[in-house]
Amino acid sequence: MLHKYRKSPIVEAEQFDGSDEMIERYSVHVFNPNLAKNIFFIGMNVLAIGDWIVKDEYGNYQVVADDIFRKSYERCD
């Protein structure tokens, strides 16, 4: 579920769960040439399950690790 978080400015963010719905919504690329698990990418950014997808004020998506996200953002909705 998408929630609002405050940093400065306010951004929209969603925690990545690896679901097909999120892969489609954010145009995530999945790479798995016979590996034990999938590797996910948004653009050139590696994305892991549990990372946050943050939409900045310009409409671009950034990947933020869970621990850094929780230290940097405060939920405001």
PDB file of N, CA and C in Angstrom:
ATOM      1  N   MET A   1       0.845  -1.172   0.000  1.00  0.00           N
ATOM      2  CA  MET A   1       0.000   0.000   0.000  1.00  0.00           C
ATOM      3  C   MET A   1       0.893   1.239   0.000  1.00  0.00           C
ATOM      4  N   LEU A   2       0.556   2.194  -0.801  1.00  0.00           N
ATOM      5  CA  LEU A   2       1.316   3.432  -0.933  1.00  0.00           C
ATOM      6  C   LEU A   2       0.932   4.399   0.177  1.00  0.00           C
ATOM      7  N   HIS A   3       1.924   4.938   0.878  1.00  0.00           N
ATOM      8  CA  HIS A   3       1.696   5.890   1.963  1.00  0.00           C
ATOM      9  C   HIS A   3       2.528   7.135   1.720  1.00  0.00           C
ATOM     10  N   LYS A   4       2.231   8.205   2.415  1.00  0.00           N
ATOM     11  CA  LYS A   4       3.008   9.440   2.317  1.00  0.00           C
ATOM     12  C   LYS A   4       3.992   9.509   3.468  1.00  0.00           C
ATOM     13  N   TYR A   5       5.197   9.983   3.172  1.00  0.00           N
ATOM     14  CA  TYR A   5       6.257  10.106   4.170  1.00  0.00           C
ATOM     15  C   TYR A   5       6.877  11.478   4.061  1.00  0.00           C
ATOM     16  N   ARG A   6       7.331  12.018   5.182  1.00  0.00           N
ATOM     17  CA  ARG A   6       7.896  13.355   5.212  1.00  0.00           C
ATOM     18  C   ARG A   6       9.414  13.265   5.292  1.00  0.00           C
ATOM     19  N   LYS A   7      10.063  13.978   4.454  1.00  0.00           N
ATOM     20  CA  LYS A   7      11.497  14.228   4.570  1.00  0.00           C
ATOM     21  C   LYS A   7      11.592  15.714   4.361  1.00  0.00           C
ATOM     22  N   SER A   8      11.867  16.141   3.215  1.00  0.00           N
ATOM     23  CA  SER A   8      11.754  17.525   2.813  1.00  0.00           C
ATOM     24  C   SER A   8      12.188  17.581   1.367  1.00  0.00           C
ATOM     25  N   PRO A   9      11.336  17.623   0.466  1.00  0.00           N
ATOM     26  CA  PRO A   9       9.877  17.738   0.522  1.00  0.00           C
ATOM     27  C   PRO A   9       9.210  16.383   0.782  1.00  0.00           C
ATOM     28  N   ILE A  10       7.880  16.395   0.844  1.00  0.00           N
ATOM     29  CA  ILE A  10       7.113  15.164   1.038  1.00  0.00           C
ATOM     30  C   ILE A  10       7.233  14.316  -0.221  1.00  0.00           C
ATOM     31  N   VAL A  11       7.454  13.014  -0.021  1.00  0.00           N
ATOM     32  CA  VAL A  11       7.578  12.078  -1.137  1.00  0.00           C
ATOM     33  C   VAL A  11       6.560  10.966  -0.958  1.00  0.00           C
ATOM     34  N   GLU A  12       6.298  10.236  -2.027  1.00  0.00           N
ATOM     35  CA  GLU A  12       5.473   9.041  -1.948  1.00  0.00           C
ATOM     36  C   GLU A  12       6.416   7.849  -1.992  1.00  0.00           C
ATOM     37  N   ALA A  13       6.103   6.799  -1.218  1.00  0.00           N
ATOM     38  CA  ALA A  13       6.980   5.639  -1.174  1.00  0.00           C
ATOM     39  C   ALA A  13       6.168   4.379  -0.921  1.00  0.00           C
ATOM     40  N   GLU A  14       6.717   3.263  -1.374  1.00  0.00           N
ATOM     41  CA  GLU A  14       6.096   1.965  -1.174  1.00  0.00           C
ATOM     42  C   GLU A  14       7.207   0.946  -0.976  1.00  0.00           C
ATOM     43  N   GLN A  15       7.032   0.050   0.003  1.00  0.00           N
ATOM     44  CA  GLN A  15       8.043  -0.959   0.264  1.00  0.00           C
ATOM     45  C   GLN A  15       7.863  -2.103  -0.730  1.00  0.00           C
ATOM     46  N   PHE A  16       8.948  -2.464  -1.418  1.00  0.00           N
ATOM     47  CA  PHE A  16       8.912  -3.477  -2.470  1.00  0.00           C
ATOM     48  C   PHE A  16       8.756  -4.865  -1.859  1.00  0.00           C
ATOM     49  N   ASP A  17       7.762  -5.624  -2.377  1.00  0.00           N
ATOM     50  CA  ASP A  17       7.511  -6.966  -1.850  1.00  0.00           C
ATOM     51  C   ASP A  17       7.759  -8.065  -2.883  1.00  0.00           C
ATOM     52  N   GLY A  18       8.194  -7.680  -4.087  1.00  0.00           N
ATOM     53  CA  GLY A  18       8.501  -8.669  -5.116  1.00  0.00           C
ATOM     54  C   GLY A  18       7.293  -9.198  -5.855  1.00  0.00           C
ATOM     55  N   SER A  19       6.112  -8.655  -5.587  1.00  0.00           N
ATOM     56  CA  SER A  19       4.887  -9.151  -6.233  1.00  0.00           C
ATOM     57  C   SER A  19       4.855  -8.772  -7.708  1.00  0.00           C
ATOM     58  N   ASP A  20       4.134  -9.570  -8.477  1.00  0.00           N
ATOM     59  CA  ASP A  20       3.968  -9.285  -9.900  1.00  0.00           C
ATOM     60  C   ASP A  20       3.330  -7.920 -10.112  1.00  0.00           C
ATOM     61  N   GLU A  21       2.399  -7.547  -9.230  1.00  0.00           N
ATOM     62  CA  GLU A  21       1.722  -6.248  -9.326  1.00  0.00           C
ATOM     63  C   GLU A  21       2.732  -5.099  -9.228  1.00  0.00           C
ATOM     64  N   MET A  22       3.637  -5.178  -8.256  1.00  0.00           N
ATOM     65  CA  MET A  22       4.633  -4.110  -8.090  1.00  0.00           C
ATOM     66  C   MET A  22       5.658  -4.126  -9.220  1.00  0.00           C
ATOM     67  N   ILE A  23       6.030  -5.310  -9.677  1.00  0.00           N
ATOM     68  CA  ILE A  23       6.976  -5.422 -10.794  1.00  0.00           C
ATOM     69  C   ILE A  23       6.404  -4.714 -12.016  1.00  0.00           C
ATOM     70  N   GLU A  24       5.119  -4.919 -12.276  1.00  0.00           N
ATOM     71  CA  GLU A  24       4.471  -4.268 -13.418  1.00  0.00           C
ATOM     72  C   GLU A  24       4.302  -2.767 -13.190  1.00  0.00           C
ATOM     73  N   ARG A  25       3.842  -2.364 -11.995  1.00  0.00           N
ATOM     74  CA  ARG A  25       3.568  -0.952 -11.698  1.00  0.00           C
ATOM     75  C   ARG A  25       4.813  -0.081 -11.862  1.00  0.00           C
ATOM     76  N   TYR A  26       5.974  -0.588 -11.426  1.00  0.00           N
ATOM     77  CA  TYR A  26       7.194   0.212 -11.443  1.00  0.00           C
ATOM     78  C   TYR A  26       8.155  -0.178 -12.565  1.00  0.00           C
ATOM     79  N   SER A  27       7.692  -1.002 -13.512  1.00  0.00           N
ATOM     80  CA  SER A  27       8.528  -1.450 -14.636  1.00  0.00           C
ATOM     81  C   SER A  27       9.854  -2.022 -14.134  1.00  0.00           C
ATOM     82  N   VAL A  28       9.762  -2.880 -13.129  1.00  0.00           N
ATOM     83  CA  VAL A  28      10.946  -3.529 -12.559  1.00  0.00           C
ATOM     84  C   VAL A  28      11.412  -4.608 -13.527  1.00  0.00           C
ATOM     85  N   HIS A  29      12.710  -4.674 -13.746  1.00  0.00           N
ATOM     86  CA  HIS A  29      13.297  -5.723 -14.575  1.00  0.00           C
ATOM     87  C   HIS A  29      13.788  -6.827 -13.658  1.00  0.00           C
ATOM     88  N   VAL A  30      13.487  -8.069 -14.028  1.00  0.00           N
ATOM     89  CA  VAL A  30      13.876  -9.218 -13.222  1.00  0.00           C
ATOM     90  C   VAL A  30      14.951  -9.980 -13.975  1.00  0.00           C
ATOM     91  N   PHE A  31      16.054 -10.258 -13.297  1.00  0.00           N
ATOM     92  CA  PHE A  31      17.178 -10.968 -13.891  1.00  0.00           C
ATOM     93  C   PHE A  31      17.392 -12.256 -13.120  1.00  0.00           C
ATOM     94  N   ASN A  32      17.337 -13.398 -13.797  1.00  0.00           N
ATOM     95  CA  ASN A  32      17.526 -14.684 -13.135  1.00  0.00           C
ATOM     96  C   ASN A  32      18.044 -15.725 -14.111  1.00  0.00           C
ATOM     97  N   PRO A  33      19.328 -15.657 -14.462  1.00  0.00           N
ATOM     98  CA  PRO A  33      19.872 -16.693 -15.349  1.00  0.00           C
ATOM     99  C   PRO A  33      20.322 -17.903 -14.521  1.00  0.00           C
ATOM    100  N   ASN A  34      19.346 -18.725 -14.113  1.00  0.00           N
ATOM    101  CA  ASN A  34      19.630 -19.945 -13.344  1.00  0.00           C
ATOM    102  C   ASN A  34      20.226 -19.657 -11.971  1.00  0.00           C
ATOM    103  N   LEU A  35      19.870 -18.544 -11.377  1.00  0.00           N
ATOM    104  CA  LEU A  35      20.312 -18.226 -10.022  1.00  0.00           C
ATOM    105  C   LEU A  35      19.287 -18.735  -9.020  1.00  0.00           C
ATOM    106  N   ALA A  36      19.687 -18.832  -7.772  1.00  0.00           N
ATOM    107  CA  ALA A  36      18.780 -19.311  -6.729  1.00  0.00           C
ATOM    108  C   ALA A  36      17.651 -18.322  -6.464  1.00  0.00           C
ATOM    109  N   LYS A  37      17.905 -17.025  -6.693  1.00  0.00           N
ATOM    110  CA  LYS A  37      16.861 -16.025  -6.470  1.00  0.00           C
ATOM    111  C   LYS A  37      16.935 -14.953  -7.544  1.00  0.00           C
ATOM    112  N   ASN A  38      15.835 -14.218  -7.676  1.00  0.00           N
ATOM    113  CA  ASN A  38      15.774 -13.157  -8.676  1.00  0.00           C
ATOM    114  C   ASN A  38      16.577 -11.937  -8.229  1.00  0.00           C
ATOM    115  N   ILE A  39      17.078 -11.192  -9.205  1.00  0.00           N
ATOM    116  CA  ILE A  39      17.700  -9.895  -8.965  1.00  0.00           C
ATOM    117  C   ILE A  39      16.796  -8.884  -9.658  1.00  0.00           C
ATOM    118  N   PHE A  40      16.389  -7.837  -8.929  1.00  0.00           N
ATOM    119  CA  PHE A  40      15.453  -6.848  -9.448  1.00  0.00           C
ATOM    120  C   PHE A  40      16.181  -5.537  -9.729  1.00  0.00           C
ATOM    121  N   PHE A  41      15.742  -4.845 -10.788  1.00  0.00           N
ATOM    122  CA  PHE A  41      16.314  -3.549 -11.155  1.00  0.00           C
ATOM    123  C   PHE A  41      15.208  -2.566 -11.482  1.00  0.00           C
ATOM    124  N   ILE A  42      15.385  -1.312 -11.060  1.00  0.00           N
ATOM    125  CA  ILE A  42      14.623  -0.177 -11.583  1.00  0.00           C
ATOM    126  C   ILE A  42      15.665   0.699 -12.234  1.00  0.00           C
ATOM    127  N   GLY A  43      15.603   0.792 -13.549  1.00  0.00           N
ATOM    128  CA  GLY A  43      16.675   1.490 -14.272  1.00  0.00           C
ATOM    129  C   GLY A  43      17.984   0.773 -14.003  1.00  0.00           C
ATOM    130  N   MET A  44      18.977   1.488 -13.513  1.00  0.00           N
ATOM    131  CA  MET A  44      20.273   0.898 -13.191  1.00  0.00           C
ATOM    132  C   MET A  44      20.407   0.587 -11.699  1.00  0.00           C
ATOM    133  N   ASN A  45      19.351   0.797 -10.931  1.00  0.00           N
ATOM    134  CA  ASN A  45      19.387   0.581  -9.486  1.00  0.00           C
ATOM    135  C   ASN A  45      18.961  -0.833  -9.127  1.00  0.00           C
ATOM    136  N   VAL A  46      19.779  -1.520  -8.337  1.00  0.00           N
ATOM    137  CA  VAL A  46      19.417  -2.846  -7.839  1.00  0.00           C
ATOM    138  C   VAL A  46      18.377  -2.676  -6.744  1.00  0.00           C
ATOM    139  N   LEU A  47      17.371  -3.525  -6.760  1.00  0.00           N
ATOM    140  CA  LEU A  47      16.246  -3.446  -5.837  1.00  0.00           C
ATOM    141  C   LEU A  47      16.097  -4.793  -5.151  1.00  0.00           C
ATOM    142  N   ALA A  48      16.010  -4.800  -3.832  1.00  0.00           N
ATOM    143  CA  ALA A  48      15.807  -6.036  -3.069  1.00  0.00           C
ATOM    144  C   ALA A  48      14.433  -5.988  -2.412  1.00  0.00           C
ATOM    145  N   ILE A  49      13.884  -7.159  -2.142  1.00  0.00           N
ATOM    146  CA  ILE A  49      12.625  -7.212  -1.404  1.00  0.00           C
ATOM    147  C   ILE A  49      12.859  -6.577  -0.043  1.00  0.00           C
ATOM    148  N   GLY A  50      11.993  -5.638   0.341  1.00  0.00           N
ATOM    149  CA  GLY A  50      12.136  -4.903   1.594  1.00  0.00           C
ATOM    150  C   GLY A  50      12.674  -3.501   1.395  1.00  0.00           C
ATOM    151  N   ASP A  51      13.309  -3.235   0.232  1.00  0.00           N
ATOM    152  CA  ASP A  51      13.737  -1.871  -0.078  1.00  0.00           C
ATOM    153  C   ASP A  51      12.509  -1.016  -0.365  1.00  0.00           C
ATOM    154  N   TRP A  52      12.706   0.290  -0.330  1.00  0.00           N
ATOM    155  CA  TRP A  52      11.614   1.229  -0.605  1.00  0.00           C
ATOM    156  C   TRP A  52      11.800   1.846  -1.979  1.00  0.00           C
ATOM    157  N   ILE A  53      10.687   2.002  -2.691  1.00  0.00           N
ATOM    158  CA  ILE A  53      10.660   2.719  -3.964  1.00  0.00           C
ATOM    159  C   ILE A  53      10.104   4.098  -3.641  1.00  0.00           C
ATOM    160  N   VAL A  54      10.916   5.115  -3.822  1.00  0.00           N
ATOM    161  CA  VAL A  54      10.560   6.486  -3.457  1.00  0.00           C
ATOM    162  C   VAL A  54      10.379   7.313  -4.721  1.00  0.00           C
ATOM    163  N   LYS A  55       9.238   7.955  -4.846  1.00  0.00           N
ATOM    164  CA  LYS A  55       8.967   8.850  -5.971  1.00  0.00           C
ATOM    165  C   LYS A  55       9.326  10.258  -5.524  1.00  0.00           C
ATOM    166  N   ASP A  56      10.323  10.865  -6.166  1.00  0.00           N
ATOM    167  CA  ASP A  56      10.762  12.200  -5.746  1.00  0.00           C
ATOM    168  C   ASP A  56       9.866  13.288  -6.321  1.00  0.00           C
ATOM    169  N   GLU A  57      10.179  14.532  -5.998  1.00  0.00           N
ATOM    170  CA  GLU A  57       9.335  15.652  -6.421  1.00  0.00           C
ATOM    171  C   GLU A  57       9.306  15.857  -7.925  1.00  0.00           C
ATOM    172  N   TYR A  58      10.215  15.191  -8.657  1.00  0.00           N
ATOM    173  CA  TYR A  58      10.279  15.306 -10.112  1.00  0.00           C
ATOM    174  C   TYR A  58       9.614  14.125 -10.815  1.00  0.00           C
ATOM    175  N   GLY A  59       9.077  13.191 -10.035  1.00  0.00           N
ATOM    176  CA  GLY A  59       8.419  12.024 -10.608  1.00  0.00           C
ATOM    177  C   GLY A  59       9.355  10.872 -10.896  1.00  0.00           C
ATOM    178  N   ASN A  60      10.602  10.973 -10.473  1.00  0.00           N
ATOM    179  CA  ASN A  60      11.571   9.902 -10.674  1.00  0.00           C
ATOM    180  C   ASN A  60      11.533   8.939  -9.502  1.00  0.00           C
ATOM    181  N   TYR A  61      11.843   7.672  -9.775  1.00  0.00           N
ATOM    182  CA  TYR A  61      11.872   6.664  -8.724  1.00  0.00           C
ATOM    183  C   TYR A  61      13.298   6.423  -8.265  1.00  0.00           C
ATOM    184  N   GLN A  62      13.470   6.325  -6.959  1.00  0.00           N
ATOM    185  CA  GLN A  62      14.757   6.012  -6.353  1.00  0.00           C
ATOM    186  C   GLN A  62      14.566   4.783  -5.477  1.00  0.00           C
ATOM    187  N   VAL A  63      15.638   4.009  -5.305  1.00  0.00           N
ATOM    188  CA  VAL A  63      15.613   2.858  -4.416  1.00  0.00           C
ATOM    189  C   VAL A  63      16.339   3.249  -3.133  1.00  0.00           C
ATOM    190  N   VAL A  64      15.694   3.012  -1.983  1.00  0.00           N
ATOM    191  CA  VAL A  64      16.280   3.337  -0.688  1.00  0.00           C
ATOM    192  C   VAL A  64      16.197   2.089   0.191  1.00  0.00           C
ATOM    193  N   ALA A  65      17.317   1.684   0.765  1.00  0.00           N
ATOM    194  CA  ALA A  65      17.345   0.524   1.657  1.00  0.00           C
ATOM    195  C   ALA A  65      16.444   0.791   2.861  1.00  0.00           C
ATOM    196  N   ASP A  66      15.846  -0.266   3.400  1.00  0.00           N
ATOM    197  CA  ASP A  66      14.881  -0.142   4.487  1.00  0.00           C
ATOM    198  C   ASP A  66      15.454   0.599   5.690  1.00  0.00           C
ATOM    199  N   ASP A  67      16.664   0.271   6.142  1.00  0.00           N
ATOM    200  CA  ASP A  67      17.222   0.912   7.335  1.00  0.00           C
ATOM    201  C   ASP A  67      17.455   2.398   7.129  1.00  0.00           C
ATOM    202  N   ILE A  68      17.913   2.790   5.954  1.00  0.00           N
ATOM    203  CA  ILE A  68      18.139   4.208   5.650  1.00  0.00           C
ATOM    204  C   ILE A  68      16.804   4.935   5.529  1.00  0.00           C
ATOM    205  N   PHE A  69      15.820   4.297   4.889  1.00  0.00           N
ATOM    206  CA  PHE A  69      14.500   4.907   4.745  1.00  0.00           C
ATOM    207  C   PHE A  69      13.896   5.217   6.111  1.00  0.00           C
ATOM    208  N   ARG A  70      13.951   4.253   7.020  1.00  0.00           N
ATOM    209  CA  ARG A  70      13.340   4.424   8.341  1.00  0.00           C
ATOM    210  C   ARG A  70      14.047   5.501   9.167  1.00  0.00           C
ATOM    211  N   LYS A  71      15.341   5.735   8.926  1.00  0.00           N
ATOM    212  CA  LYS A  71      16.067   6.778   9.630  1.00  0.00           C
ATOM    213  C   LYS A  71      15.822   8.161   9.013  1.00  0.00           C
ATOM    214  N   SER A  72      15.429   8.188   7.740  1.00  0.00           N
ATOM    215  CA  SER A  72      15.334   9.444   7.001  1.00  0.00           C
ATOM    216  C   SER A  72      13.924   9.993   6.849  1.00  0.00           C
ATOM    217  N   TYR A  73      12.909   9.142   6.912  1.00  0.00           N
ATOM    218  CA  TYR A  73      11.554   9.569   6.610  1.00  0.00           C
ATOM    219  C   TYR A  73      10.607   9.304   7.783  1.00  0.00           C
ATOM    220  N   GLU A  74       9.607  10.164   7.894  1.00  0.00           N
ATOM    221  CA  GLU A  74       8.558  10.030   8.904  1.00  0.00           C
ATOM    222  C   GLU A  74       7.223   9.980   8.172  1.00  0.00           C
ATOM    223  N   ARG A  75       6.442   8.969   8.437  1.00  0.00           N
ATOM    224  CA  ARG A  75       5.143   8.849   7.782  1.00  0.00           C
ATOM    225  C   ARG A  75       4.230   9.989   8.218  1.00  0.00           C
ATOM    226  N   CYS A  76       3.497  10.570   7.257  1.00  0.00           N
ATOM    227  CA  CYS A  76       2.668  11.731   7.579  1.00  0.00           C
ATOM    228  C   CYS A  76       1.219  11.604   7.119  1.00  0.00           C
ATOM    229  N   ASP A  77       0.766  10.394   6.802  1.00  0.00           N
ATOM    230  CA  ASP A  77      -0.662  10.244   6.469  1.00  0.00           C
ATOM    231  C   ASP A  77      -1.312   9.202   7.335  1.00  0.00           C
TER     232      ASP A  77
END
